Each structure stands twice: as structure tokens, then as C-alpha cells.
Protein backbone atom coordinates (compact mmCIF):
# COMPACT_ATOMS: atom_id res chain seq x y z
CA MET A 1 -189.88 -117.30 -144.70
CA ASN A 2 -191.85 -118.53 -141.70
CA ALA A 3 -194.47 -115.74 -141.30
CA SER A 4 -195.58 -117.18 -137.79
CA TYR A 5 -192.12 -116.03 -136.34
CA ILE A 6 -191.21 -112.52 -136.32
CA GLY A 7 -188.23 -111.52 -133.82
CA ARG A 8 -186.72 -108.09 -133.27
CA PHE A 9 -183.79 -106.39 -131.76
CA ALA A 10 -184.53 -103.12 -130.14
CA PRO A 11 -181.32 -100.98 -129.09
CA SER A 12 -181.39 -97.54 -127.37
CA PRO A 13 -179.37 -95.11 -128.87
CA THR A 14 -177.79 -93.93 -125.67
CA GLY A 15 -174.15 -94.54 -126.71
CA PRO A 16 -172.46 -97.21 -129.14
CA LEU A 17 -173.25 -100.97 -128.83
CA HIS A 18 -171.16 -102.90 -126.36
CA ALA A 19 -170.51 -106.59 -125.88
CA GLY A 20 -173.62 -106.94 -123.98
CA SER A 21 -175.90 -105.47 -126.58
CA LEU A 22 -174.29 -107.64 -129.19
CA VAL A 23 -174.82 -110.85 -127.45
CA ALA A 24 -178.84 -109.93 -127.25
CA ALA A 25 -178.56 -108.77 -130.72
CA LEU A 26 -176.91 -112.27 -131.83
CA ALA A 27 -179.34 -114.52 -129.82
CA SER A 28 -182.39 -112.75 -131.17
CA TYR A 29 -180.76 -112.85 -134.95
CA LEU A 30 -180.01 -116.43 -134.65
CA ASP A 31 -183.48 -117.62 -133.04
CA ALA A 32 -185.13 -115.97 -135.99
CA LYS A 33 -182.91 -117.59 -138.68
CA VAL A 34 -183.11 -121.25 -136.96
CA HIS A 35 -187.02 -120.61 -137.00
CA GLY A 36 -187.16 -119.28 -140.66
CA GLY A 37 -188.74 -116.25 -139.44
CA GLN A 38 -188.18 -112.32 -139.83
CA TRP A 39 -185.70 -110.22 -137.64
CA LEU A 40 -186.86 -106.56 -137.29
CA VAL A 41 -184.80 -103.98 -135.78
CA ARG A 42 -186.24 -101.29 -133.70
CA ILE A 43 -184.66 -97.95 -132.34
CA GLU A 44 -185.81 -97.53 -128.88
CA ASP A 45 -185.20 -93.68 -128.74
CA VAL A 46 -188.64 -92.77 -127.06
CA ASP A 47 -186.58 -91.18 -124.33
CA GLU A 48 -185.15 -88.51 -126.67
CA GLY A 49 -183.54 -86.60 -123.75
CA ARG A 50 -181.05 -89.66 -123.40
CA SER A 51 -180.45 -90.31 -127.16
CA VAL A 52 -176.77 -89.68 -128.65
CA ALA A 53 -176.51 -88.02 -131.85
CA GLY A 54 -175.22 -90.62 -134.44
CA ALA A 55 -175.51 -93.71 -132.17
CA ALA A 56 -178.58 -95.33 -133.74
CA ASP A 57 -176.59 -94.77 -137.29
CA ALA A 58 -173.61 -96.19 -135.89
CA ALA A 59 -175.41 -99.40 -134.45
CA LEU A 60 -177.02 -100.05 -137.73
CA ALA A 61 -173.92 -99.88 -139.52
CA LEU A 62 -172.02 -102.24 -137.09
CA LEU A 63 -174.89 -104.76 -137.48
CA ALA A 64 -174.43 -104.47 -141.32
CA ARG A 65 -171.03 -104.91 -141.16
CA LEU A 66 -171.23 -108.18 -138.95
CA GLY A 67 -173.78 -109.45 -141.48
CA MET A 68 -176.82 -109.05 -139.41
CA GLN A 69 -178.99 -107.74 -141.92
CA TRP A 70 -182.73 -107.08 -140.63
CA ASP A 71 -185.98 -107.37 -142.55
CA GLY A 72 -188.09 -104.54 -143.45
CA GLU A 73 -187.67 -100.81 -142.37
CA VAL A 74 -186.50 -99.78 -139.24
CA VAL A 75 -188.92 -98.34 -136.80
CA TRP A 76 -187.89 -95.20 -134.49
CA GLN A 77 -189.99 -94.89 -131.23
CA SER A 78 -189.63 -91.08 -131.32
CA ARG A 79 -191.82 -91.33 -134.39
CA ARG A 80 -194.62 -93.46 -132.69
CA THR A 81 -195.67 -91.06 -129.82
CA ASP A 82 -199.20 -90.98 -131.05
CA LEU A 83 -199.76 -94.63 -130.67
CA TYR A 84 -198.59 -94.50 -127.31
CA GLN A 85 -200.84 -91.72 -126.12
CA ALA A 86 -203.81 -93.66 -127.85
CA ALA A 87 -202.81 -96.76 -125.73
CA CYS A 88 -202.95 -94.63 -122.54
CA ALA A 89 -206.12 -93.52 -123.24
CA ARG A 90 -207.65 -96.96 -123.93
CA LEU A 91 -206.64 -97.87 -120.50
CA GLY A 92 -209.08 -95.20 -119.07
CA ALA A 93 -209.40 -94.84 -115.26
CA LEU A 94 -206.67 -97.43 -114.50
CA VAL A 95 -204.43 -94.40 -115.41
CA TYR A 96 -204.07 -91.81 -112.68
CA PRO A 97 -201.96 -88.80 -112.28
CA CYS A 98 -198.85 -88.82 -109.85
CA GLY A 99 -197.36 -85.73 -108.13
CA CYS A 100 -194.50 -87.27 -106.43
CA ASN A 101 -190.82 -86.39 -107.15
CA ARG A 102 -188.05 -88.79 -106.87
CA ARG A 103 -187.11 -87.82 -103.52
CA GLU A 104 -190.65 -88.30 -102.21
CA ILE A 105 -191.09 -91.63 -103.99
CA ALA A 106 -187.33 -92.87 -102.50
CA ASP A 107 -188.71 -91.85 -98.86
CA SER A 108 -191.81 -93.65 -99.22
CA ARG A 109 -191.23 -96.58 -101.24
CA LEU A 110 -192.46 -100.16 -100.17
CA ALA A 111 -189.05 -101.67 -101.24
CA LEU A 112 -186.98 -101.96 -104.41
CA ALA A 113 -188.11 -103.77 -107.40
CA ALA A 114 -185.60 -106.66 -108.93
CA ASP A 115 -184.43 -104.08 -111.36
CA GLY A 116 -183.43 -101.46 -108.79
CA SER A 117 -186.80 -99.01 -109.15
CA ALA A 118 -188.61 -97.90 -106.35
CA ILE A 119 -191.96 -100.00 -105.61
CA TYR A 120 -194.35 -96.96 -105.24
CA PRO A 121 -196.59 -97.03 -102.23
CA GLY A 122 -199.93 -95.67 -104.22
CA THR A 123 -199.62 -92.21 -102.58
CA CYS A 124 -201.40 -90.62 -105.41
CA ARG A 125 -204.02 -93.55 -105.99
CA HIS A 126 -206.85 -91.60 -104.85
CA GLY A 127 -205.94 -88.11 -105.81
CA ILE A 128 -202.97 -85.81 -105.84
CA ALA A 129 -202.53 -83.60 -102.31
CA PRO A 130 -203.66 -80.26 -102.52
CA GLY A 131 -201.24 -77.68 -103.79
CA LYS A 132 -199.30 -80.38 -105.86
CA LEU A 133 -199.34 -80.69 -109.58
CA ALA A 134 -199.20 -83.67 -111.75
CA ARG A 135 -195.91 -84.75 -112.72
CA SER A 136 -196.29 -88.34 -114.27
CA LEU A 137 -199.02 -90.89 -114.99
CA ARG A 138 -199.12 -94.16 -113.48
CA LEU A 139 -201.18 -97.48 -114.25
CA ARG A 140 -202.92 -99.24 -111.14
CA VAL A 141 -202.07 -102.70 -110.64
CA PRO A 142 -204.38 -105.35 -109.01
CA ALA A 143 -204.60 -105.72 -105.55
CA ALA A 144 -202.27 -108.33 -103.55
CA GLY A 145 -203.91 -111.55 -104.20
CA GLU A 146 -205.50 -110.70 -107.56
CA ASP A 147 -202.15 -109.35 -108.79
CA ALA A 148 -200.39 -112.58 -110.02
CA ILE A 149 -198.68 -112.88 -113.51
CA GLY A 150 -197.09 -116.17 -114.55
CA PHE A 151 -195.59 -117.19 -117.60
CA ILE A 152 -192.88 -119.93 -119.43
CA ASP A 153 -189.55 -118.23 -120.46
CA ARG A 154 -187.65 -120.29 -122.60
CA CYS A 155 -184.29 -119.78 -120.87
CA ALA A 156 -185.65 -119.07 -117.24
CA GLY A 157 -188.45 -121.39 -117.34
CA PRO A 158 -191.42 -120.73 -115.13
CA VAL A 159 -191.76 -117.23 -113.90
CA ASP A 160 -194.27 -115.99 -111.32
CA ALA A 161 -194.75 -112.61 -110.26
CA GLN A 162 -196.99 -110.50 -108.07
CA LEU A 163 -197.43 -107.01 -109.39
CA ALA A 164 -198.45 -105.14 -106.22
CA ARG A 165 -195.53 -106.86 -104.41
CA ASP A 166 -193.06 -106.65 -106.97
CA ALA A 167 -193.58 -103.76 -108.99
CA GLY A 168 -196.33 -101.60 -107.53
CA ASP A 169 -198.27 -98.93 -109.68
CA PHE A 170 -195.92 -98.16 -112.55
CA ILE A 171 -195.09 -95.08 -114.51
CA LEU A 172 -196.55 -94.83 -118.26
CA GLN A 173 -195.63 -91.15 -118.81
CA ARG A 174 -192.59 -89.80 -116.96
CA GLY A 175 -192.44 -86.25 -115.42
CA ASP A 176 -190.38 -84.94 -118.40
CA GLY A 177 -193.33 -86.13 -120.74
CA TYR A 178 -191.53 -89.15 -122.43
CA TRP A 179 -193.27 -92.33 -122.52
CA ALA A 180 -192.29 -95.20 -120.25
CA TYR A 181 -190.20 -98.12 -121.94
CA GLN A 182 -192.98 -100.40 -120.56
CA LEU A 183 -195.90 -99.00 -122.64
CA ALA A 184 -193.77 -98.18 -125.72
CA VAL A 185 -192.53 -101.72 -126.03
CA VAL A 186 -195.72 -103.44 -125.52
CA VAL A 187 -197.56 -101.01 -128.24
CA ASP A 188 -194.67 -101.48 -130.74
CA ASP A 189 -194.28 -105.37 -130.13
CA ALA A 190 -197.94 -105.59 -131.06
CA ALA A 191 -198.01 -103.20 -134.01
CA GLN A 192 -195.24 -105.07 -135.61
CA GLY A 193 -196.68 -108.81 -135.16
CA ILE A 194 -193.75 -109.61 -133.06
CA THR A 195 -194.40 -113.24 -131.86
CA ASP A 196 -190.91 -113.98 -129.84
CA VAL A 197 -188.78 -111.65 -127.96
CA VAL A 198 -185.10 -112.52 -127.29
CA ARG A 199 -183.37 -110.28 -125.14
CA GLY A 200 -181.15 -109.89 -122.01
CA ALA A 201 -182.08 -111.56 -118.87
CA ASP A 202 -181.71 -107.86 -116.89
CA LEU A 203 -185.33 -107.38 -118.77
CA LEU A 204 -186.83 -110.38 -117.28
CA ASP A 205 -188.52 -108.67 -114.36
CA SER A 206 -190.07 -106.06 -116.85
CA THR A 207 -191.89 -108.87 -118.60
CA PRO A 208 -194.90 -109.18 -115.99
CA ARG A 209 -195.69 -105.69 -116.23
CA GLN A 210 -195.80 -105.87 -119.94
CA ILE A 211 -198.00 -109.03 -120.03
CA TYR A 212 -200.16 -106.99 -117.59
CA LEU A 213 -200.42 -104.10 -120.41
CA GLN A 214 -200.52 -106.87 -123.10
CA ARG A 215 -203.66 -108.06 -121.22
CA LEU A 216 -205.38 -104.93 -120.59
CA LEU A 217 -204.99 -103.72 -124.06
CA GLN A 218 -206.28 -106.77 -125.48
CA LEU A 219 -202.95 -107.52 -127.23
CA PRO A 220 -201.12 -110.70 -127.93
CA THR A 221 -198.32 -112.16 -125.76
CA PRO A 222 -195.05 -113.15 -127.36
CA ARG A 223 -192.85 -115.93 -126.59
CA TYR A 224 -189.93 -114.90 -124.36
CA LEU A 225 -186.32 -115.83 -124.03
CA HIS A 226 -184.10 -114.11 -121.73
CA VAL A 227 -180.39 -114.69 -122.23
CA PRO A 228 -177.89 -114.39 -119.57
CA VAL A 229 -176.23 -111.03 -119.49
CA LEU A 230 -172.47 -110.12 -119.55
CA ARG A 231 -170.83 -108.91 -116.45
CA ASN A 232 -167.55 -107.18 -115.73
CA ALA A 233 -165.15 -108.04 -113.28
CA ARG A 234 -166.94 -106.42 -110.47
CA GLY A 235 -169.80 -108.44 -111.30
CA GLU A 236 -171.91 -105.78 -112.77
CA LYS A 237 -174.14 -105.99 -115.90
CA LEU A 238 -172.22 -104.73 -118.68
CA SER A 239 -173.91 -101.52 -119.75
CA LYS A 240 -173.09 -97.81 -120.66
CA GLN A 241 -173.62 -96.77 -116.90
CA THR A 242 -171.05 -99.42 -115.82
CA GLY A 243 -168.41 -98.23 -118.49
CA ALA A 244 -168.70 -101.05 -121.00
CA GLU A 245 -166.40 -100.62 -124.16
CA ALA A 246 -167.80 -99.82 -127.44
CA VAL A 247 -167.76 -102.72 -129.93
CA THR A 248 -165.44 -101.98 -132.76
CA ALA A 249 -165.03 -104.11 -136.23
CA HIS A 250 -162.90 -101.97 -138.42
CA ASP A 251 -161.59 -104.93 -140.42
CA ASP A 252 -162.31 -108.69 -141.27
CA ALA A 253 -160.31 -109.85 -138.50
CA ALA A 254 -161.82 -107.64 -135.94
CA VAL A 255 -165.37 -108.53 -137.37
CA LEU A 256 -164.64 -112.28 -136.89
CA ARG A 257 -163.21 -111.88 -133.17
CA VAL A 258 -166.52 -109.84 -132.29
CA LEU A 259 -168.82 -112.29 -133.55
CA LEU A 260 -166.97 -115.40 -131.91
CA ALA A 261 -166.95 -113.62 -128.65
CA ALA A 262 -170.59 -113.21 -128.68
CA ALA A 263 -171.15 -116.82 -129.75
CA ALA A 264 -168.95 -117.95 -126.78
CA ALA A 265 -170.92 -115.71 -124.37
CA LEU A 266 -174.00 -117.61 -125.66
CA GLY A 267 -172.36 -120.94 -124.95
CA LEU A 268 -172.09 -121.96 -128.70
CA ALA A 269 -168.60 -123.15 -128.49
CA PRO A 270 -169.30 -126.78 -128.21
CA TRP A 271 -171.20 -126.43 -131.51
CA LEU A 272 -169.34 -123.72 -133.71
CA GLY A 273 -165.88 -125.46 -134.00
CA ALA A 274 -163.02 -123.54 -136.04
CA VAL A 275 -164.35 -120.69 -138.51
CA ASP A 276 -161.99 -118.87 -140.76
CA GLY A 277 -164.42 -115.90 -141.88
CA LEU A 278 -167.34 -114.21 -141.41
CA ALA A 279 -169.38 -116.43 -144.26
CA ALA A 280 -167.99 -119.49 -142.44
CA PHE A 281 -168.98 -118.39 -139.19
CA TRP A 282 -172.55 -117.69 -140.18
CA ARG A 283 -172.69 -120.99 -141.80
CA ALA A 284 -171.98 -122.43 -138.41
CA ALA A 285 -173.50 -120.14 -135.84
CA VAL A 286 -177.15 -120.86 -137.07
CA PRO A 287 -177.06 -124.67 -136.92
CA ALA A 288 -174.88 -124.23 -133.37
CA TRP A 289 -178.06 -122.17 -131.86
CA ALA A 290 -180.21 -125.04 -133.46
CA CYS A 291 -178.15 -127.50 -131.44
CA LYS A 292 -178.09 -125.35 -128.47
CA LEU A 293 -181.98 -125.30 -128.48
CA GLN A 294 -182.12 -129.07 -128.99
CA ALA A 295 -179.86 -130.05 -126.41
CA HIS A 296 -181.93 -128.11 -123.86
CA GLN A 297 -185.22 -129.02 -125.47
CA HIS A 298 -186.08 -131.14 -122.31
CA ALA A 299 -184.97 -128.72 -119.79
CA PRO A 300 -186.31 -125.38 -119.07
CA VAL A 301 -183.32 -123.47 -118.73
CA LEU A 302 -180.58 -122.70 -121.18
CA HIS A 303 -177.29 -121.96 -119.55
CA GLY A 304 -174.91 -119.61 -121.09
């Protein structure tokens, strides 16, 4: 096993896995296998208020049923909050309390970020207004002109962002007390030694914020590969919010259908060929992913 490659799949247990989640899972699994590395699973249940009872166990059972066996122990974010607290403390004066509620942020936002979140105008940067209480914790980003973050994505190619323009001061701890995704994922990726993050392109715009946190916390930056996301007939990203149906695989035929659909979404059909069972699928899928990577080694973009 290649110790220099450690990948991961990190679902949020806010409902059952859907086809879009499975595409990301398959891409991360195949990439780890092609590189002879480890594939870890982390349950991102840091937002315990949105977690659905039984969803995490169902997701793990589905992965096992599909033949996607993870390495090591499953990590649960809800059991790691002390690590997030310690990381936040290390950021020192760059963290400040914010007293703005959702409506105030919506009314005063500079614009909408690419992921749909409001770009915070820095209302509480120099202190909370008299009579208001702290609701959340935010991280200061550098001033315009000093806020550039660039990286090479294995799918999207060169990505350049300006944090002040594209994100603004972003949340580290929410008003309900839960730690934010951006902080938790950075801490956990470093703690687990993740070298390669393979996930959906909907998270591409989060990556500059995560790289900024990695630099502040003096943590390594993984390699990134963001695969195209599945969309419904209306062009919306498949998600629980847009009514994506749960993936079900109750028998061998259904297992194979599910895997073939996910592989097709990743553009593997030209290299996959005809397969007649689960074992045959995995014998074909790993070299098919290798062929996909090889075919695009001289181009920065992997088209789905």
C-alpha cells in the first residue's frame, strides 16, 4: 500500500446517500485504488442538529454492499469538537465575535458567493454594536490585494480566488454553537493525514477558504480533484434539498446498476466495457479510472 496517498469520503448524515454522493464516493475510492493508497471514511456530522438518526449507519452499510471497503476506523466529527476548539484558539486575534443575524447579513451583504452564501461586509470586525450579543465567530480574511489564493485542481485546472471579494470574513462557529464545515474539514484532513481530496465540484469554491485556514494553522494542503456534479432535469445539483432519491441496492442486479450509473457519470464507459457482476465491475473500474487519468494527463481538465 502506498503510504504517500491517503484519500477519504466524507458524507454528511442528513439523509440517505443519493446518486450524486455515490459518484463522489466512487471517484475518491477509485483514485485511492489507482494510486495504491488508503481510502478513509469520515462521517461529517458536526452539524448535529441536521443529522438524521440511522443515516450514517445506512451509508456505511451501502458502501460495504457496493464493495467499497474503507481502511481503518470510521471517524465521526461530532466526537472531535475539542480539536476544532483548539484550532480556533490557535487563530488568535484573527477570530472575532459577530452579532449579526441572518436577516441583517442578507440586508447588508456585499454580494453572493459562488456557493450561494452571503459575502459578509465586516460589520462586526471592529466590535459588536452596543446592545447586541455575540452570535457566531468569524475569521478575518486579508484585505483586497493581499487575499489571493491559487491552486491547481486536478480536474478544473488552475483556480484563482480573492478571499475578500469571493467570500469575505467567514464563519468558524455558528450561532447555534456548532463548528462550521470549513474549520472542521481542515482540522480533520490534517489529523487523518489526507494527501488527496476527491469530491464534487460544488465544493470547489470552498477550497480557497480551506487553504487559507491550512496556511494559518501551518497544516499541509492536500491535492484536490473536484469531479462534475450530477444535476436534475431542472439543472439543479442533485442533493437532498432538491429531492434527490436515495440510492438503493437490495440485490446483486441493483448493486451493479448503481455502480454502472455512477461510473458512467464519471465518464468511465469508454474504458469499462461490459461487466456481468460486482467482481467483474471492480476488476474493470480501477483500470478504467487509470485510463481516464492517463487520457487527460496532458490536459488540466477531466471532463465527465
